[in-house]
Amino acid sequence: MALTSVTSIRWLAAPTSASWVNQAIARPMQVLIDHAHCERKAAGSAVQLMFRYLCEPGLGEVLSPLAREELEHFEQVLELLQSRGRYLEPLPSSGYGAFLAKHIRKGEPQRMLDSFLVAGLIEARSHERMALLAENSPDPELSDLYGNLLKSEARHFGLYWVLCEQRWQRTVIVPRLEELAKVEVEALRGVLDKPENVRMHSCGVE
């Protein structure tokens, strides 16, 4: 299937490729199971940040509702999986999240800034790819699911940007975001060795 459009996301340094869309559409259940894992991990990441920076003013008020919403999305995906006779299955990781995590600096406050930016980049890529699946999936139920989640996902990466802006000047945030956006693209470079390894965050960028 040819790619009909690519959603432009300001945070991202390169758009997803048509090859990824075609691979994902060809294996919808594989991607759906991986999507459930992604929602679970996103909730876990928000909770982890909230506990790491337990006394940081204004953080728990943002990250606690975010984690709950991610878990609601997890439940929605689980419900659809179950309606199709499937459930969560262990899947080999694409390595995307681990690659990004390696580029988070260790010392504070740089670690906090990088953690927010990496979380935002992951949300931005998820939003872009869900938009592409909503636009291009031949399965109306899957198209509706991804389409219904888009508004929330867009708000999620916006929340991480706001957390950054509340704590740092843009002259600090923007250069580091540009650096990490290049890292994010690097994590998605290459070609899948096996088509069945397609994931929400598997390789495939222009």
Protein backbone atom coordinates (compact mmCIF):
# COMPACT_ATOMS: atom_id res chain seq x y z
CA MET A 1 0.00 0.00 0.00
CA ALA A 2 1.32 3.41 -0.91
CA LEU A 3 1.70 6.06 1.77
CA THR A 4 -1.02 8.68 1.40
CA SER A 5 0.40 11.31 3.74
CA VAL A 6 3.00 11.93 6.42
CA THR A 7 1.99 13.91 9.47
CA SER A 8 4.51 16.66 10.17
CA ILE A 9 5.55 16.76 13.81
CA ARG A 10 7.67 19.71 14.88
CA TRP A 11 9.79 17.73 17.34
CA LEU A 12 10.92 15.12 14.81
CA ALA A 13 14.02 15.53 12.63
CA ALA A 14 12.78 13.17 9.87
CA PRO A 15 9.42 11.67 8.89
CA THR A 16 8.52 8.00 8.97
CA SER A 17 9.02 6.18 5.67
CA ALA A 18 6.39 4.61 3.46
CA SER A 19 8.14 1.27 3.92
CA TRP A 20 7.40 1.31 7.65
CA VAL A 21 3.73 2.06 7.02
CA ASN A 22 3.45 -0.77 4.51
CA GLN A 23 5.18 -3.19 6.89
CA ALA A 24 2.96 -2.15 9.80
CA ILE A 25 -0.26 -2.44 7.81
CA ALA A 26 0.76 -5.89 6.58
CA ARG A 27 1.09 -7.12 10.20
CA PRO A 28 -1.64 -5.28 12.10
CA MET A 29 -1.88 -7.61 15.10
CA GLN A 30 1.87 -7.58 15.63
CA VAL A 31 1.85 -3.78 15.74
CA LEU A 32 -1.26 -3.70 17.93
CA ILE A 33 0.36 -5.99 20.52
CA ASP A 34 3.48 -3.84 20.46
CA HIS A 35 1.30 -0.73 20.81
CA ALA A 36 -0.15 -2.17 24.02
CA HIS A 37 3.37 -2.63 25.35
CA CYS A 38 4.20 0.97 24.33
CA GLU A 39 1.23 2.38 26.26
CA ARG A 40 2.23 0.35 29.31
CA LYS A 41 5.84 1.56 29.07
CA ALA A 42 4.72 5.18 28.62
CA ALA A 43 2.69 4.96 31.83
CA GLY A 44 5.66 3.40 33.60
CA SER A 45 8.01 6.13 32.38
CA ALA A 46 5.73 8.87 33.70
CA VAL A 47 5.51 7.16 37.09
CA GLN A 48 9.27 6.60 37.18
CA LEU A 49 9.93 10.30 36.56
CA MET A 50 7.37 11.27 39.17
CA PHE A 51 9.11 9.14 41.80
CA ARG A 52 12.63 10.05 40.73
CA TYR A 53 11.80 13.74 41.20
CA LEU A 54 9.35 13.21 44.04
CA CYS A 55 9.73 16.70 45.54
CA GLU A 56 9.91 18.61 42.25
CA PRO A 57 7.10 21.25 42.36
CA GLY A 58 4.44 20.89 39.70
CA LEU A 59 5.63 17.51 38.40
CA GLY A 60 3.31 15.04 40.09
CA GLU A 61 0.29 17.14 39.13
CA VAL A 62 1.18 16.65 35.45
CA LEU A 63 2.67 13.15 35.38
CA SER A 64 0.09 11.36 37.52
CA PRO A 65 -2.85 12.17 35.18
CA LEU A 66 -0.59 11.40 32.21
CA ALA A 67 0.21 7.93 33.58
CA ARG A 68 -3.49 7.24 34.19
CA GLU A 69 -4.37 8.24 30.64
CA GLU A 70 -1.63 6.04 29.20
CA LEU A 71 -3.05 3.12 31.19
CA GLU A 72 -6.53 3.89 29.86
CA HIS A 73 -5.09 3.64 26.35
CA PHE A 74 -3.41 0.38 27.33
CA GLU A 75 -6.80 -0.96 28.41
CA GLN A 76 -8.42 0.14 25.14
CA VAL A 77 -5.80 -1.71 23.11
CA LEU A 78 -6.11 -4.78 25.33
CA GLU A 79 -9.88 -4.79 24.84
CA LEU A 80 -9.49 -4.75 21.07
CA LEU A 81 -6.87 -7.49 21.20
CA GLN A 82 -9.17 -9.66 23.32
CA SER A 83 -12.09 -9.06 20.97
CA ARG A 84 -9.93 -10.58 18.24
CA GLY A 85 -8.93 -13.58 20.29
CA ARG A 86 -5.46 -12.31 21.18
CA TYR A 87 -3.71 -11.01 24.26
CA LEU A 88 -0.35 -9.55 25.22
CA GLU A 89 2.60 -11.58 24.00
CA PRO A 90 6.30 -11.06 24.65
CA LEU A 91 7.93 -9.39 21.67
CA PRO A 92 11.64 -8.82 21.03
CA SER A 93 12.41 -5.13 21.52
CA SER A 94 13.29 -2.91 18.59
CA GLY A 95 15.97 -1.33 20.78
CA TYR A 96 14.58 2.15 20.13
CA GLY A 97 13.92 3.18 23.73
CA ALA A 98 17.18 1.73 25.01
CA PHE A 99 19.14 3.57 22.32
CA LEU A 100 17.58 6.88 23.32
CA ALA A 101 18.07 6.20 27.04
CA LYS A 102 21.82 5.79 26.49
CA HIS A 103 21.99 9.43 25.38
CA ILE A 104 20.40 10.84 28.55
CA ARG A 105 23.10 12.63 30.52
CA LYS A 106 23.82 11.40 34.05
CA GLY A 107 24.25 14.58 36.08
CA GLU A 108 21.44 16.84 37.22
CA PRO A 109 19.75 19.01 36.06
CA GLN A 110 20.80 17.78 32.60
CA ARG A 111 19.36 14.34 33.33
CA MET A 112 15.93 15.81 34.04
CA LEU A 113 15.96 17.92 30.88
CA ASP A 114 17.07 15.01 28.70
CA SER A 115 14.51 12.68 30.31
CA PHE A 116 11.68 15.09 29.50
CA LEU A 117 12.91 15.61 25.94
CA VAL A 118 13.40 11.91 25.23
CA ALA A 119 9.93 11.13 26.61
CA GLY A 120 8.52 13.90 24.42
CA LEU A 121 10.31 12.60 21.33
CA ILE A 122 8.93 9.11 21.88
CA GLU A 123 5.41 10.55 22.27
CA ALA A 124 5.88 12.64 19.13
CA ARG A 125 6.98 9.62 17.06
CA SER A 126 4.09 7.58 18.45
CA HIS A 127 1.66 10.35 17.48
CA GLU A 128 3.09 10.56 13.97
CA ARG A 129 2.93 6.82 13.38
CA MET A 130 -0.55 6.43 14.82
CA ALA A 131 -1.71 9.20 12.49
CA LEU A 132 -0.21 7.32 9.55
CA LEU A 133 -1.90 4.09 10.61
CA ALA A 134 -5.21 5.89 11.07
CA GLU A 135 -4.91 7.37 7.57
CA ASN A 136 -3.70 4.26 5.78
CA SER A 137 -5.02 1.18 7.56
CA PRO A 138 -7.60 -0.78 5.52
CA ASP A 139 -9.10 -2.06 8.78
CA PRO A 140 -11.81 0.43 9.90
CA GLU A 141 -11.69 -0.69 13.55
CA LEU A 142 -7.93 -0.20 13.77
CA SER A 143 -8.13 3.08 11.89
CA ASP A 144 -10.72 4.32 14.40
CA LEU A 145 -8.64 3.19 17.38
CA TYR A 146 -5.52 4.99 16.23
CA GLY A 147 -7.50 8.05 15.18
CA ASN A 148 -9.25 8.30 18.53
CA LEU A 149 -5.93 8.19 20.40
CA LEU A 150 -4.29 10.97 18.38
CA LYS A 151 -5.55 13.98 20.31
CA SER A 152 -4.29 12.58 23.60
CA GLU A 153 -0.92 11.63 22.16
CA ALA A 154 -0.44 15.13 20.75
CA ARG A 155 -1.16 16.58 24.18
CA HIS A 156 1.31 14.18 25.81
CA PHE A 157 4.37 15.36 23.93
CA GLY A 158 3.18 18.93 24.49
CA LEU A 159 3.14 18.32 28.25
CA TYR A 160 6.79 17.31 28.24
CA TRP A 161 7.64 20.50 26.35
CA VAL A 162 5.80 22.57 28.96
CA LEU A 163 7.67 20.81 31.77
CA CYS A 164 10.91 21.85 30.07
CA GLU A 165 9.82 25.45 29.47
CA GLN A 166 8.84 25.83 33.13
CA ARG A 167 12.38 25.00 34.18
CA TRP A 168 14.78 26.14 31.45
CA GLN A 169 15.21 28.88 28.89
CA ARG A 170 14.53 28.03 25.26
CA THR A 171 18.18 28.78 24.53
CA VAL A 172 18.96 25.71 26.63
CA ILE A 173 16.05 23.51 25.53
CA VAL A 174 16.07 23.93 21.75
CA PRO A 175 19.72 23.04 21.02
CA ARG A 176 19.47 19.93 23.18
CA LEU A 177 16.16 18.96 21.58
CA GLU A 178 17.77 19.26 18.15
CA GLU A 179 20.64 17.02 19.26
CA LEU A 180 18.33 14.38 20.70
CA ALA A 181 16.01 14.55 17.66
CA LYS A 182 18.99 13.54 15.51
CA VAL A 183 19.68 10.66 17.90
CA GLU A 184 16.02 9.61 17.62
CA VAL A 185 16.30 9.45 13.83
CA GLU A 186 19.54 7.49 14.12
CA ALA A 187 17.66 4.94 16.25
CA LEU A 188 15.22 4.40 13.36
CA ARG A 189 17.73 4.21 10.51
CA GLY A 190 18.23 0.98 8.60
CA VAL A 191 16.13 -1.83 7.17
CA LEU A 192 14.35 -4.62 9.03
CA ASP A 193 16.15 -7.93 8.70
CA LYS A 194 12.84 -9.78 9.21
CA PRO A 195 9.42 -8.30 8.28
CA GLU A 196 7.84 -9.90 11.35
CA ASN A 197 10.00 -7.65 13.54
CA VAL A 198 7.94 -4.57 12.68
CA ARG A 199 7.09 -2.53 15.78
CA MET A 200 5.59 0.86 16.54
CA HIS A 201 9.17 2.10 16.86
CA SER A 202 11.04 -0.16 14.45
CA CYS A 203 13.34 1.30 11.80
CA GLY A 204 11.88 3.25 8.93
CA VAL A 205 12.54 6.96 8.37
CA GLU A 206 13.09 9.05 5.25
